Each structure stands twice: as C-alpha cells, then as structure tokens.
Amino acid sequence: SMLGKSQFPGVLRSKGFAWSAGDNSQSIEWSSAGLSADLKPGPRWIAATMPRSQWPAYAVAKYAKSRHGDRRTEIVFIGADMVEDDIRA
C-alpha cells in the first residue's frame, strides 16, 4: 500500500509553511501528496518587511507577544492511520 512507503506513514497529503533558521526573512511553502513533496520560497514574513509599529492590525493582535513576530511553522497532515508521535518526531 502507498500509505506505508512515504517518509510519514499514513500521510496522504500535507501542506503549510515553515520558518527556516537559515533565512529569517522568507517563509518556505511545504506541500506533499503521496510520494511527491515540494518545498519552495513562500511569502516574506511581516516581521522582516517592516517595524512592529507599522504592522497591520491583524498581525499586531495575533503576533505582538511573539518574540519572533509572525515567523512560525504551521503544517497540516491529512491521512489515514497516522501516528501523531511518529510525525512529530
């Protein structure tokens, strides 16, 4: 079965974005489906494009307390019989 052959057993699809420690200015878009995976440059982080005093209101409300501004990693995994601990490891 194809579910057991990928790096993340049980994952059929995943998508999101990540913060790379090597580049504080730009996010990385993450996408996978089946055995295919893609990483590509994503949008620039708000924290890298302007001082906090100029952030849009939604960004101030959501990220003002974060030491790193809007920089973060958010990836969604969709699949069957996934083991969360294995994916997080």
N, C-alpha and C. Protein backbone atom coordinates (compact mmCIF):
# COMPACT_ATOMS: atom_id res chain seq x y z
N SER A 1 0.83 -1.19 0.00
CA SER A 1 0.00 0.00 0.00
C SER A 1 0.87 1.25 0.00
N MET A 2 0.43 2.27 -0.69
CA MET A 2 1.19 3.51 -0.79
C MET A 2 1.29 4.22 0.56
N LEU A 3 0.37 3.95 1.48
CA LEU A 3 0.39 4.62 2.77
C LEU A 3 1.63 4.30 3.57
N GLY A 4 2.21 3.13 3.39
CA GLY A 4 3.36 2.74 4.19
C GLY A 4 4.71 3.04 3.57
N LYS A 5 4.77 3.63 2.37
CA LYS A 5 6.03 3.82 1.66
C LYS A 5 6.62 5.21 1.80
N SER A 6 5.89 6.15 2.33
CA SER A 6 6.39 7.52 2.41
C SER A 6 7.20 7.73 3.68
N GLN A 7 7.84 8.88 3.75
CA GLN A 7 8.61 9.25 4.94
C GLN A 7 7.70 9.34 6.16
N PHE A 8 6.44 9.72 5.94
CA PHE A 8 5.45 9.84 7.00
C PHE A 8 4.34 8.81 6.76
N PRO A 9 4.48 7.61 7.30
CA PRO A 9 3.48 6.57 7.06
C PRO A 9 2.07 7.02 7.42
N GLY A 10 1.13 6.76 6.52
CA GLY A 10 -0.26 7.11 6.74
C GLY A 10 -0.63 8.48 6.22
N VAL A 11 0.34 9.32 5.92
CA VAL A 11 0.05 10.68 5.44
C VAL A 11 -0.21 10.63 3.94
N LEU A 12 -1.37 11.13 3.54
CA LEU A 12 -1.72 11.19 2.12
C LEU A 12 -1.35 12.55 1.53
N ARG A 13 -1.48 13.58 2.35
CA ARG A 13 -1.23 14.94 1.87
C ARG A 13 -0.81 15.79 3.07
N SER A 14 0.05 16.75 2.80
CA SER A 14 0.40 17.74 3.83
C SER A 14 0.68 19.06 3.13
N LYS A 15 0.40 20.13 3.86
CA LYS A 15 0.67 21.45 3.28
C LYS A 15 0.80 22.46 4.40
N GLY A 16 1.49 23.53 4.09
CA GLY A 16 1.67 24.59 5.07
C GLY A 16 2.90 25.41 4.76
N PHE A 17 3.46 25.99 5.80
CA PHE A 17 4.66 26.81 5.62
C PHE A 17 5.55 26.64 6.83
N ALA A 18 6.82 26.96 6.64
CA ALA A 18 7.80 26.76 7.70
C ALA A 18 8.74 27.95 7.79
N TRP A 19 9.29 28.09 8.96
CA TRP A 19 10.33 29.10 9.22
C TRP A 19 11.65 28.38 9.24
N SER A 20 12.55 28.76 8.37
CA SER A 20 13.88 28.17 8.30
C SER A 20 14.84 29.02 9.12
N ALA A 21 15.58 28.38 9.99
CA ALA A 21 16.56 29.11 10.80
C ALA A 21 17.61 29.77 9.93
N GLY A 22 17.80 29.31 8.71
CA GLY A 22 18.79 29.87 7.82
C GLY A 22 18.35 31.12 7.09
N ASP A 23 17.04 31.44 7.14
CA ASP A 23 16.53 32.62 6.44
C ASP A 23 15.39 33.21 7.25
N ASN A 24 15.67 34.27 7.96
CA ASN A 24 14.66 34.91 8.80
C ASN A 24 13.72 35.82 8.04
N SER A 25 13.94 36.00 6.75
CA SER A 25 13.14 36.97 6.01
C SER A 25 12.01 36.33 5.20
N GLN A 26 12.14 35.07 4.83
CA GLN A 26 11.17 34.48 3.92
C GLN A 26 10.69 33.13 4.42
N SER A 27 9.39 32.87 4.29
CA SER A 27 8.85 31.57 4.67
C SER A 27 9.15 30.54 3.58
N ILE A 28 8.94 29.28 3.92
CA ILE A 28 9.09 28.19 2.97
C ILE A 28 7.74 27.50 2.84
N GLU A 29 7.23 27.38 1.63
CA GLU A 29 5.97 26.68 1.41
C GLU A 29 6.24 25.18 1.34
N TRP A 30 5.46 24.41 2.05
CA TRP A 30 5.60 22.96 2.16
C TRP A 30 4.36 22.32 1.53
N SER A 31 4.56 21.34 0.66
CA SER A 31 3.44 20.64 0.05
C SER A 31 3.85 19.20 -0.25
N SER A 32 2.98 18.26 0.08
CA SER A 32 3.23 16.87 -0.30
C SER A 32 1.91 16.19 -0.62
N ALA A 33 1.98 15.26 -1.54
CA ALA A 33 0.83 14.43 -1.91
C ALA A 33 1.38 13.09 -2.35
N GLY A 34 0.98 12.03 -1.67
CA GLY A 34 1.51 10.71 -1.98
C GLY A 34 3.02 10.68 -1.76
N LEU A 35 3.75 10.26 -2.77
CA LEU A 35 5.21 10.19 -2.66
C LEU A 35 5.91 11.45 -3.16
N SER A 36 5.13 12.43 -3.60
CA SER A 36 5.70 13.67 -4.12
C SER A 36 5.72 14.75 -3.04
N ALA A 37 6.83 15.46 -2.94
CA ALA A 37 6.95 16.55 -1.97
C ALA A 37 7.60 17.76 -2.63
N ASP A 38 7.24 18.95 -2.17
CA ASP A 38 7.76 20.17 -2.76
C ASP A 38 8.01 21.21 -1.67
N LEU A 39 9.15 21.81 -1.71
CA LEU A 39 9.49 22.96 -0.86
C LEU A 39 9.87 24.09 -1.80
N LYS A 40 9.29 25.26 -1.57
CA LYS A 40 9.63 26.41 -2.41
C LYS A 40 9.54 27.69 -1.59
N PRO A 41 10.16 28.75 -2.06
CA PRO A 41 10.09 30.01 -1.32
C PRO A 41 8.65 30.48 -1.19
N GLY A 42 8.31 30.93 0.01
CA GLY A 42 6.98 31.46 0.28
C GLY A 42 7.05 32.96 0.46
N PRO A 43 5.98 33.54 0.96
CA PRO A 43 5.98 34.98 1.16
C PRO A 43 6.94 35.42 2.25
N ARG A 44 7.33 36.67 2.21
CA ARG A 44 8.22 37.21 3.24
C ARG A 44 7.42 37.37 4.53
N TRP A 45 8.09 37.18 5.65
CA TRP A 45 7.48 37.38 6.95
C TRP A 45 7.21 38.86 7.16
N ILE A 46 6.10 39.19 7.79
CA ILE A 46 5.80 40.60 8.09
C ILE A 46 6.91 41.19 8.95
N ALA A 47 7.38 40.40 9.92
CA ALA A 47 8.43 40.88 10.83
C ALA A 47 9.71 41.25 10.09
N ALA A 48 9.90 40.72 8.89
CA ALA A 48 11.10 41.01 8.12
C ALA A 48 10.91 42.20 7.17
N THR A 49 9.66 42.60 6.97
CA THR A 49 9.40 43.63 5.97
C THR A 49 9.17 45.02 6.54
N MET A 50 8.83 45.09 7.84
CA MET A 50 8.54 46.40 8.43
C MET A 50 8.66 46.35 9.95
N PRO A 51 8.89 47.50 10.57
CA PRO A 51 8.95 47.52 12.04
C PRO A 51 7.56 47.23 12.63
N ARG A 52 7.54 46.71 13.87
CA ARG A 52 6.27 46.37 14.52
C ARG A 52 5.30 47.54 14.55
N SER A 53 5.78 48.73 14.65
CA SER A 53 4.90 49.90 14.70
C SER A 53 4.09 50.09 13.41
N GLN A 54 4.49 49.44 12.31
CA GLN A 54 3.79 49.57 11.04
C GLN A 54 3.02 48.31 10.64
N TRP A 55 3.01 47.30 11.51
CA TRP A 55 2.30 46.06 11.19
C TRP A 55 0.81 46.32 11.01
N PRO A 56 0.15 45.54 10.15
CA PRO A 56 -1.31 45.63 10.03
C PRO A 56 -1.96 45.22 11.37
N ALA A 57 -3.15 45.70 11.61
CA ALA A 57 -3.84 45.45 12.89
C ALA A 57 -3.97 43.96 13.20
N TYR A 58 -4.30 43.13 12.19
CA TYR A 58 -4.46 41.70 12.46
C TYR A 58 -3.16 41.08 12.94
N ALA A 59 -2.03 41.53 12.40
CA ALA A 59 -0.73 40.98 12.80
C ALA A 59 -0.37 41.42 14.21
N VAL A 60 -0.68 42.64 14.56
CA VAL A 60 -0.42 43.12 15.92
C VAL A 60 -1.23 42.29 16.91
N ALA A 61 -2.50 42.08 16.62
CA ALA A 61 -3.37 41.32 17.52
C ALA A 61 -2.91 39.87 17.67
N LYS A 62 -2.45 39.28 16.61
CA LYS A 62 -2.11 37.85 16.63
C LYS A 62 -0.68 37.57 17.08
N TYR A 63 0.28 38.43 16.74
CA TYR A 63 1.69 38.11 16.94
C TYR A 63 2.47 39.08 17.83
N ALA A 64 1.80 40.06 18.40
CA ALA A 64 2.51 41.09 19.18
C ALA A 64 3.32 40.51 20.34
N LYS A 65 2.84 39.45 20.95
CA LYS A 65 3.54 38.88 22.11
C LYS A 65 4.64 37.90 21.71
N SER A 66 4.70 37.56 20.44
CA SER A 66 5.69 36.60 19.96
C SER A 66 7.05 37.27 19.79
N ARG A 67 8.04 36.66 20.35
CA ARG A 67 9.41 37.18 20.25
C ARG A 67 9.88 37.28 18.80
N HIS A 68 9.36 36.38 17.96
CA HIS A 68 9.81 36.30 16.57
C HIS A 68 8.78 36.84 15.58
N GLY A 69 7.80 37.57 16.09
CA GLY A 69 6.78 38.13 15.21
C GLY A 69 5.92 37.04 14.59
N ASP A 70 5.69 37.13 13.30
CA ASP A 70 4.83 36.16 12.62
C ASP A 70 5.59 34.93 12.13
N ARG A 71 6.86 34.84 12.40
CA ARG A 71 7.65 33.68 11.97
C ARG A 71 7.23 32.45 12.77
N ARG A 72 6.93 31.36 12.07
CA ARG A 72 6.48 30.13 12.72
C ARG A 72 6.42 29.01 11.69
N THR A 73 6.11 27.82 12.15
CA THR A 73 5.89 26.68 11.26
C THR A 73 4.49 26.16 11.50
N GLU A 74 3.71 26.06 10.44
CA GLU A 74 2.36 25.51 10.50
C GLU A 74 2.18 24.56 9.33
N ILE A 75 2.06 23.27 9.63
CA ILE A 75 1.88 22.26 8.60
C ILE A 75 0.72 21.37 9.00
N VAL A 76 -0.17 21.10 8.06
CA VAL A 76 -1.33 20.25 8.27
C VAL A 76 -1.07 18.92 7.58
N PHE A 77 -1.31 17.82 8.30
CA PHE A 77 -1.16 16.47 7.74
C PHE A 77 -2.53 15.83 7.61
N ILE A 78 -2.82 15.28 6.44
CA ILE A 78 -4.09 14.62 6.16
C ILE A 78 -3.78 13.18 5.77
N GLY A 79 -4.46 12.22 6.38
CA GLY A 79 -4.17 10.84 6.04
C GLY A 79 -5.06 9.85 6.76
N ALA A 80 -4.58 8.63 6.82
CA ALA A 80 -5.31 7.54 7.47
C ALA A 80 -4.33 6.74 8.31
N ASP A 81 -4.76 6.34 9.48
CA ASP A 81 -3.92 5.52 10.39
C ASP A 81 -2.59 6.18 10.69
N MET A 82 -2.60 7.50 10.82
CA MET A 82 -1.36 8.22 11.15
C MET A 82 -1.09 8.09 12.65
N VAL A 83 0.19 8.08 13.00
CA VAL A 83 0.60 8.07 14.40
C VAL A 83 1.23 9.42 14.67
N GLU A 84 0.55 10.25 15.45
CA GLU A 84 0.99 11.62 15.68
C GLU A 84 2.42 11.70 16.20
N ASP A 85 2.79 10.83 17.13
CA ASP A 85 4.14 10.86 17.69
C ASP A 85 5.20 10.61 16.62
N ASP A 86 4.90 9.74 15.65
CA ASP A 86 5.85 9.47 14.57
C ASP A 86 6.03 10.68 13.66
N ILE A 87 4.95 11.41 13.41
CA ILE A 87 5.01 12.58 12.55
C ILE A 87 5.77 13.71 13.25
N ARG A 88 5.56 13.87 14.55
CA ARG A 88 6.20 14.94 15.29
C ARG A 88 7.68 14.66 15.57
N ALA A 89 8.09 13.41 15.50
CA ALA A 89 9.49 13.04 15.83
C ALA A 89 10.47 13.58 14.80
